[in-house]
């Protein structure tokens, strides 16, 4: 069994508080819950947000009905809670009235659940994000040699738990196709009541080919023949559903720095490759640089999140052509990182960057040192 970063949920639980675990479908939230519940001494109630009766009770605003629902338990656990209307209001009633009760809820849509639970649970919740498997977790059981030997598979098939533990590559592709079509797309369409599945898929395909590049909303809208606002809305939905992550441009000193651009990376490369149906080996690909940049970014995000290192990540570009892949800012310190699959020469920071940010650290991340960056 793969070790998970939150294997001991007990340390995050407090009486009268709600623990919210966000993350994409199939990332392991339900498995995490079941493993914890199999060992806990609490008398618990496990339910699902897909249960219609549960939806009716918890969205009713009926104090008596809601409190009787959890009476006699020490722990309430609701999986996929974003499917329950007004779940935040119900949870507020529960934790305010039952001070010794512990509560865990999970959600595969951060927008749906945070929008519903946000204000009612102010001061009453703790939030965790569970990503697909990270190198931080794999390193508990694997040596650095083993991690490096599996790098090609990570870049092609991604890091979803079931995909990782499946040895047969044909089965890996089948699982990813199922994830893309049955879970990812259907979930998004259902959760957000969208009527254009083809548009979502076409948008994702365009983004899949633009990893590491600045994304033009106007260009996407023109290519897909929809209006600007629709593209903005769909991009936001895809981010809230844990499919993509947006990073903005860094600008502090120079007049010619890009200030309103954005890049998008996929939360999982297996999903990205599944969307464009491209599972060729690395030697037969022309997008290794894109895969490498996306891989480093998302593994870095997982590492920083799980180690509770709160840094803001940007990219840097100038109108005159200067660029750096990742800029991290934390406590007044600025660090710049350039992603290179193979670095055959010593690379230096762009002169414009060095002049504008002389105190900033600059480092190239390649095959020789990438594990230091993501572990």
Protein backbone atom coordinates (compact mmCIF):
# COMPACT_ATOMS: atom_id res chain seq x y z
CA UNK A 1 0.00 0.00 0.00
CA UNK A 2 1.28 3.48 -0.90
CA UNK A 3 2.08 5.74 2.04
CA UNK A 4 0.05 8.94 2.08
CA UNK A 5 1.07 12.21 3.60
CA UNK A 6 -2.07 12.43 5.78
CA UNK A 7 -2.09 8.80 6.94
CA UNK A 8 -2.53 9.99 10.54
CA UNK A 9 -5.66 12.15 10.31
CA UNK A 10 -5.97 12.10 14.09
CA UNK A 11 -3.47 14.96 14.42
CA UNK A 12 -5.73 17.24 12.36
CA UNK A 13 -8.97 16.44 14.20
CA UNK A 14 -10.34 18.65 16.95
CA UNK A 15 -13.69 18.58 18.79
CA UNK A 16 -16.12 21.15 17.48
CA UNK A 17 -14.13 21.61 14.25
CA UNK A 18 -14.60 20.48 10.66
CA UNK A 19 -11.66 18.96 8.80
CA UNK A 20 -12.13 19.52 5.05
CA UNK A 21 -10.06 17.39 2.65
CA UNK A 22 -10.05 18.64 -0.92
CA UNK A 23 -8.62 16.86 -3.93
CA UNK A 24 -9.46 15.43 -7.34
CA UNK A 25 -11.58 12.34 -7.78
CA UNK A 26 -9.59 9.09 -7.56
CA UNK A 27 -6.67 10.82 -5.80
CA UNK A 28 -7.18 8.61 -2.74
CA UNK A 29 -9.47 10.60 -0.41
CA UNK A 30 -11.89 7.72 0.16
CA UNK A 31 -9.03 5.24 0.70
CA UNK A 32 -7.45 7.66 3.17
CA UNK A 33 -10.72 7.88 5.10
CA UNK A 34 -11.31 4.13 5.12
CA UNK A 35 -7.77 3.43 6.36
CA UNK A 36 -8.21 5.94 9.17
CA UNK A 37 -11.64 4.62 10.14
CA UNK A 38 -10.38 1.03 10.23
CA UNK A 39 -8.04 2.02 13.06
CA UNK A 40 -9.96 4.69 14.96
CA UNK A 41 -11.50 4.12 18.36
CA UNK A 42 -14.18 6.78 17.77
CA UNK A 43 -17.77 5.73 17.31
CA UNK A 44 -18.27 7.11 13.80
CA UNK A 45 -20.93 7.68 11.17
CA UNK A 46 -19.72 7.41 7.55
CA UNK A 47 -21.93 8.84 4.83
CA UNK A 48 -21.72 10.10 1.26
CA UNK A 49 -22.82 13.35 -0.29
CA UNK A 50 -24.26 11.28 -3.12
CA UNK A 51 -26.88 9.86 -0.72
CA UNK A 52 -30.18 11.59 -1.53
CA UNK A 53 -31.61 11.07 1.96
CA UNK A 54 -28.49 12.66 3.48
CA UNK A 55 -28.81 15.57 1.07
CA UNK A 56 -32.42 16.10 2.19
CA UNK A 57 -31.59 16.03 5.91
CA UNK A 58 -28.51 18.25 5.85
CA UNK A 59 -29.98 20.84 3.49
CA UNK A 60 -33.23 21.10 5.46
CA UNK A 61 -32.22 23.79 8.04
CA UNK A 62 -34.23 21.70 10.53
CA UNK A 63 -32.17 21.75 13.75
CA UNK A 64 -33.94 18.77 15.29
CA UNK A 65 -33.59 16.61 12.18
CA UNK A 66 -29.95 17.53 11.60
CA UNK A 67 -28.88 16.95 15.21
CA UNK A 68 -30.73 13.65 15.46
CA UNK A 69 -28.81 12.57 12.32
CA UNK A 70 -25.49 12.59 14.28
CA UNK A 71 -26.75 11.93 17.80
CA UNK A 72 -24.72 9.32 19.67
CA UNK A 73 -21.60 9.57 17.50
CA UNK A 74 -18.13 10.91 18.27
CA UNK A 75 -17.08 11.36 14.64
CA UNK A 76 -19.04 12.29 11.51
CA UNK A 77 -17.46 11.58 8.10
CA UNK A 78 -19.05 12.69 4.81
CA UNK A 79 -17.35 11.79 1.54
CA UNK A 80 -17.94 14.04 -1.54
CA UNK A 81 -19.78 16.59 0.57
CA UNK A 82 -19.92 19.17 -2.23
CA UNK A 83 -23.03 17.37 -3.52
CA UNK A 84 -25.07 18.45 -0.48
CA UNK A 85 -26.79 21.85 -0.89
CA UNK A 86 -26.00 24.30 1.95
CA UNK A 87 -23.63 21.80 3.56
CA UNK A 88 -21.80 24.63 5.34
CA UNK A 89 -24.91 25.74 7.19
CA UNK A 90 -25.65 22.18 8.34
CA UNK A 91 -22.07 21.66 9.54
CA UNK A 92 -22.20 24.95 11.45
CA UNK A 93 -25.33 23.78 13.26
CA UNK A 94 -23.68 20.45 14.07
CA UNK A 95 -20.35 21.77 15.43
CA UNK A 96 -22.00 24.66 17.32
CA UNK A 97 -24.51 22.40 19.04
CA UNK A 98 -22.35 19.29 19.52
CA UNK A 99 -19.06 20.64 20.83
CA UNK A 100 -17.43 17.25 21.37
CA UNK A 101 -18.13 15.93 17.89
CA UNK A 102 -15.33 15.67 15.35
CA UNK A 103 -16.19 16.10 11.66
CA UNK A 104 -14.40 15.17 8.43
CA UNK A 105 -15.75 16.05 4.98
CA UNK A 106 -14.13 15.55 1.58
CA UNK A 107 -14.76 17.23 -1.74
CA UNK A 108 -13.55 16.95 -5.33
CA UNK A 109 -14.65 20.48 -6.16
CA UNK A 110 -13.00 23.20 -4.12
CA UNK A 111 -15.41 25.80 -5.49
CA UNK A 112 -18.60 23.91 -4.70
CA UNK A 113 -17.55 22.94 -1.20
CA UNK A 114 -15.63 26.07 -0.20
CA UNK A 115 -18.40 28.32 -1.54
CA UNK A 116 -20.98 26.45 0.53
CA UNK A 117 -18.85 25.89 3.63
CA UNK A 118 -16.66 28.98 3.63
CA UNK A 119 -18.53 31.72 5.49
CA UNK A 120 -20.67 29.51 7.78
CA UNK A 121 -17.53 27.68 8.98
CA UNK A 122 -15.31 30.69 9.57
CA UNK A 123 -13.09 29.80 12.54
CA UNK A 124 -14.58 26.29 12.64
CA UNK A 125 -12.58 24.44 9.99
CA UNK A 126 -9.15 23.20 8.90
CA UNK A 127 -8.41 22.52 5.25
CA UNK A 128 -6.09 19.94 3.66
CA UNK A 129 -5.49 19.25 -0.03
CA UNK A 130 -4.75 15.70 -1.18
CA UNK A 131 -3.08 15.59 -4.60
CA UNK A 132 -2.30 12.52 -6.69
CA UNK A 133 0.73 10.70 -5.25
CA UNK A 134 3.73 12.96 -4.66
CA UNK A 135 7.45 12.25 -4.65
CA UNK A 136 7.37 13.28 -0.99
CA UNK A 137 5.21 10.20 -0.37
CA UNK A 138 7.04 7.85 -2.75
CA UNK A 139 10.37 8.71 -1.11
CA UNK A 140 9.16 7.06 2.11
CA UNK A 141 9.43 3.65 0.43
CA UNK A 142 11.71 4.18 -2.58
CA UNK A 143 15.35 5.17 -2.97
CA UNK A 144 16.37 8.10 -5.16
CA UNK A 145 17.75 5.59 -7.67
CA UNK A 146 14.34 3.90 -7.88
CA UNK A 147 12.55 7.24 -8.28
CA UNK A 148 14.85 8.25 -11.13
CA UNK A 149 14.45 4.87 -12.84
CA UNK A 150 10.66 5.38 -12.94
CA UNK A 151 10.79 8.99 -14.14
CA UNK A 152 9.70 8.19 -17.69
CA UNK A 153 6.56 6.47 -16.43
CA UNK A 154 5.77 9.43 -14.16
CA UNK A 155 6.05 11.83 -17.11
CA UNK A 156 3.86 9.70 -19.38
CA UNK A 157 1.29 8.09 -17.08
CA UNK A 158 1.21 10.52 -14.18
CA UNK A 159 0.79 9.95 -10.45
CA UNK A 160 -2.76 8.80 -9.75
CA UNK A 161 -2.65 6.00 -7.13
CA UNK A 162 -4.34 3.27 -9.17
CA UNK A 163 -2.29 4.13 -12.26
CA UNK A 164 0.95 4.02 -10.26
CA UNK A 165 0.21 0.62 -8.76
CA UNK A 166 -0.79 -0.90 -12.12
CA UNK A 167 2.19 -2.57 -13.80
CA UNK A 168 0.76 -3.22 -17.27
CA UNK A 169 1.07 -0.15 -19.50
CA UNK A 170 -1.99 -1.00 -21.57
CA UNK A 171 -4.01 -1.10 -18.36
CA UNK A 172 -2.50 2.24 -17.29
CA UNK A 173 -3.78 3.82 -20.53
CA UNK A 174 -7.22 2.26 -20.04
CA UNK A 175 -7.40 3.62 -16.48
CA UNK A 176 -6.41 7.11 -17.62
CA UNK A 177 -8.98 7.08 -20.41
CA UNK A 178 -11.58 6.07 -17.84
CA UNK A 179 -10.44 8.86 -15.53
CA UNK A 180 -10.67 11.45 -18.30
CA UNK A 181 -14.01 10.38 -19.73
CA UNK A 182 -15.99 8.88 -16.86
CA UNK A 183 -14.77 10.74 -13.80
CA UNK A 184 -13.21 13.99 -14.85
CA UNK A 185 -15.48 15.16 -17.65
CA UNK A 186 -18.73 13.71 -16.32
CA UNK A 187 -18.06 15.05 -12.83
CA UNK A 188 -17.37 18.54 -14.13
CA UNK A 189 -20.45 18.57 -16.32
CA UNK A 190 -22.65 17.33 -13.45
CA UNK A 191 -21.17 19.48 -10.68
CA UNK A 192 -21.37 22.72 -12.61
CA UNK A 193 -24.44 21.94 -14.69
CA UNK A 194 -22.56 22.46 -17.95
CA UNK A 195 -24.17 21.65 -21.29
CA UNK A 196 -21.13 21.60 -23.60
CA UNK A 197 -18.90 18.55 -23.02
CA UNK A 198 -17.18 19.05 -26.38
CA UNK A 199 -16.16 22.58 -25.39
CA UNK A 200 -14.55 21.40 -22.14
CA UNK A 201 -12.57 18.72 -23.98
CA UNK A 202 -11.52 21.05 -26.79
CA UNK A 203 -10.38 23.66 -24.26
CA UNK A 204 -8.35 21.06 -22.37
CA UNK A 205 -6.73 19.91 -25.62
CA UNK A 206 -5.63 23.45 -26.42
CA UNK A 207 -4.22 23.86 -22.91
CA UNK A 208 -2.43 20.51 -23.19
CA UNK A 209 -0.41 21.82 -26.13
CA UNK A 210 0.35 25.14 -24.41
CA UNK A 211 2.09 23.92 -21.24
CA UNK A 212 4.79 26.42 -20.36
CA UNK A 213 3.45 29.05 -22.75
CA UNK A 214 1.50 32.18 -21.99
CA UNK A 215 -2.18 31.53 -22.59
CA UNK A 216 -4.21 34.11 -24.47
CA UNK A 217 -7.87 34.07 -23.43
CA UNK A 218 -8.82 35.92 -26.63
CA UNK A 219 -7.00 33.35 -28.74
CA UNK A 220 -8.72 30.46 -26.94
CA UNK A 221 -12.10 32.15 -27.41
CA UNK A 222 -11.43 32.68 -31.12
CA UNK A 223 -10.27 29.11 -31.70
CA UNK A 224 -13.25 27.64 -29.84
CA UNK A 225 -15.75 30.17 -31.25
CA UNK A 226 -17.12 31.23 -27.89
CA UNK A 227 -17.01 34.51 -26.01
CA UNK A 228 -14.23 35.68 -23.67
CA UNK A 229 -16.34 35.34 -20.52
CA UNK A 230 -17.17 31.70 -21.26
CA UNK A 231 -13.47 30.81 -21.54
CA UNK A 232 -12.69 32.62 -18.27
CA UNK A 233 -15.54 30.76 -16.55
CA UNK A 234 -14.49 27.36 -17.89
CA UNK A 235 -10.85 27.89 -16.95
CA UNK A 236 -11.94 28.73 -13.42
CA UNK A 237 -14.13 25.63 -13.26
CA UNK A 238 -11.26 23.40 -14.44
CA UNK A 239 -9.01 24.87 -11.79
CA UNK A 240 -11.58 24.45 -9.01
CA UNK A 241 -12.14 20.85 -10.13
CA UNK A 242 -8.40 20.09 -9.70
CA UNK A 243 -7.64 19.54 -13.39
CA UNK A 244 -5.35 22.52 -14.04
CA UNK A 245 -3.45 25.11 -12.02
CA UNK A 246 -2.87 28.70 -13.06
CA UNK A 247 0.21 30.77 -12.33
CA UNK A 248 0.48 34.47 -12.98
CA UNK A 249 3.38 36.62 -14.13
CA UNK A 250 5.89 38.21 -11.76
CA UNK A 251 6.38 41.96 -11.94
CA UNK A 252 8.06 44.22 -9.41
CA UNK A 253 10.72 46.46 -10.95
CA UNK A 254 10.78 46.61 -14.74
CA UNK A 255 8.44 48.61 -16.96
CA UNK A 256 8.60 46.00 -19.71
CA UNK A 257 7.69 43.01 -17.51
CA UNK A 258 4.49 41.23 -18.49
CA UNK A 259 1.95 41.88 -15.77
CA UNK A 260 -1.35 40.26 -16.79
CA UNK A 261 -0.31 37.01 -18.45
CA UNK A 262 -0.99 33.49 -17.18
CA UNK A 263 0.24 29.96 -17.75
CA UNK A 264 -1.64 26.76 -16.98
CA UNK A 265 -0.24 23.42 -15.86
CA UNK A 266 -2.07 20.11 -15.42
CA UNK A 267 -2.44 18.67 -11.95
CA UNK A 268 -1.46 15.30 -13.42
CA UNK A 269 0.48 14.50 -16.58
CA UNK A 270 -1.34 11.21 -17.11
CA UNK A 271 -4.57 13.20 -17.43
CA UNK A 272 -2.87 15.67 -19.78
CA UNK A 273 -1.54 12.88 -22.00
CA UNK A 274 -4.89 11.09 -21.86
CA UNK A 275 -6.70 14.20 -23.10
CA UNK A 276 -4.57 14.28 -26.26
CA UNK A 277 -4.18 10.46 -26.36
CA UNK A 278 -0.39 10.66 -26.47
CA UNK A 279 1.37 7.93 -24.50
CA UNK A 280 4.48 7.45 -26.65
CA UNK A 281 7.84 6.83 -25.02
CA UNK A 282 10.02 9.86 -24.38
CA UNK A 283 12.39 9.04 -27.24
CA UNK A 284 9.45 9.31 -29.65
CA UNK A 285 8.07 12.62 -28.34
CA UNK A 286 8.62 16.27 -29.20
CA UNK A 287 7.06 17.64 -26.00
CA UNK A 288 9.58 16.47 -23.39
CA UNK A 289 10.36 20.05 -22.36
CA UNK A 290 6.66 20.73 -21.70
CA UNK A 291 6.28 17.50 -19.70
CA UNK A 292 9.38 18.27 -17.66
CA UNK A 293 8.27 21.80 -16.81
CA UNK A 294 4.77 20.62 -15.82
CA UNK A 295 6.21 17.75 -13.77
CA UNK A 296 8.58 20.01 -11.83
CA UNK A 297 5.89 22.60 -11.19
CA UNK A 298 3.21 20.27 -9.83
CA UNK A 299 5.66 18.18 -7.77
CA UNK A 300 7.01 21.40 -6.30
CA UNK A 301 3.45 22.50 -5.45
CA UNK A 302 2.82 19.18 -3.69
CA UNK A 303 6.11 19.42 -1.79
CA UNK A 304 5.50 22.99 -0.59
CA UNK A 305 1.90 22.19 0.38
CA UNK A 306 2.73 19.02 2.31
CA UNK A 307 5.73 20.59 4.06
CA UNK A 308 3.62 23.67 4.88
CA UNK A 309 6.04 26.01 3.16
CA UNK A 310 3.94 28.95 2.05
CA UNK A 311 5.49 30.39 -1.09
CA UNK A 312 3.90 32.18 -4.02
CA UNK A 313 4.91 30.85 -7.46
CA UNK A 314 4.98 32.94 -10.65
CA UNK A 315 6.68 32.95 -14.04
CA UNK A 316 8.67 35.87 -15.42
CA UNK A 317 8.66 37.30 -18.93
CA UNK A 318 9.57 40.62 -20.51
CA UNK A 319 8.42 42.14 -23.77
CA UNK A 320 12.02 42.01 -24.98
CA UNK A 321 12.17 38.22 -24.63
CA UNK A 322 13.66 37.60 -21.19
CA UNK A 323 12.06 34.67 -19.38
CA UNK A 324 12.32 32.40 -16.35
CA UNK A 325 10.03 29.42 -15.71
CA UNK A 326 9.39 29.72 -11.97
CA UNK A 327 9.74 32.57 -9.49
CA UNK A 328 9.13 31.83 -5.81
CA UNK A 329 8.54 34.56 -3.27
CA UNK A 330 8.47 34.12 0.48
CA UNK A 331 9.17 36.48 3.40
CA UNK A 332 10.73 39.07 1.13
CA UNK A 333 13.05 36.54 -0.54
CA UNK A 334 12.92 35.84 -4.27
CA UNK A 335 14.19 32.65 -5.93
CA UNK A 336 14.25 31.94 -9.67
CA UNK A 337 14.28 28.47 -11.24
CA UNK A 338 14.68 27.40 -14.86
CA UNK A 339 13.47 23.92 -15.93
CA UNK A 340 15.78 22.14 -18.37
CA UNK A 341 15.37 18.49 -19.36
CA UNK A 342 19.03 18.26 -20.31
CA UNK A 343 21.44 21.07 -19.54
CA UNK A 344 24.64 20.77 -21.60
CA UNK A 345 26.05 24.14 -20.67
CA UNK A 346 26.13 26.48 -17.71
CA UNK A 347 23.05 28.70 -17.93
CA UNK A 348 22.94 32.13 -16.41
CA UNK A 349 20.00 34.30 -15.44
CA UNK A 350 18.84 36.80 -18.10
CA UNK A 351 20.76 40.10 -17.79
CA UNK A 352 17.50 42.03 -17.26
CA UNK A 353 16.65 39.80 -14.29
CA UNK A 354 20.11 40.14 -12.75
CA UNK A 355 19.99 43.92 -13.02
CA UNK A 356 16.45 44.21 -11.61
CA UNK A 357 16.81 41.55 -8.88
CA UNK A 358 20.51 41.31 -8.00
CA UNK A 359 19.86 39.57 -4.66
CA UNK A 360 17.58 36.88 -6.10
CA UNK A 361 18.81 33.29 -6.20
CA UNK A 362 18.87 31.67 -9.68
CA UNK A 363 19.11 27.93 -10.33
CA UNK A 364 18.65 25.55 -13.25
CA UNK A 365 16.67 22.39 -12.43
CA UNK A 366 17.66 19.43 -14.59
CA UNK A 367 17.99 15.65 -14.40
CA UNK A 368 20.97 15.93 -12.08
CA UNK A 369 19.37 17.93 -9.27
CA UNK A 370 15.58 17.75 -9.67
CA UNK A 371 15.01 15.51 -6.66
CA UNK A 372 16.52 18.19 -4.43
CA UNK A 373 13.89 20.57 -5.82
CA UNK A 374 10.85 18.34 -5.21
CA UNK A 375 11.93 16.51 -2.04
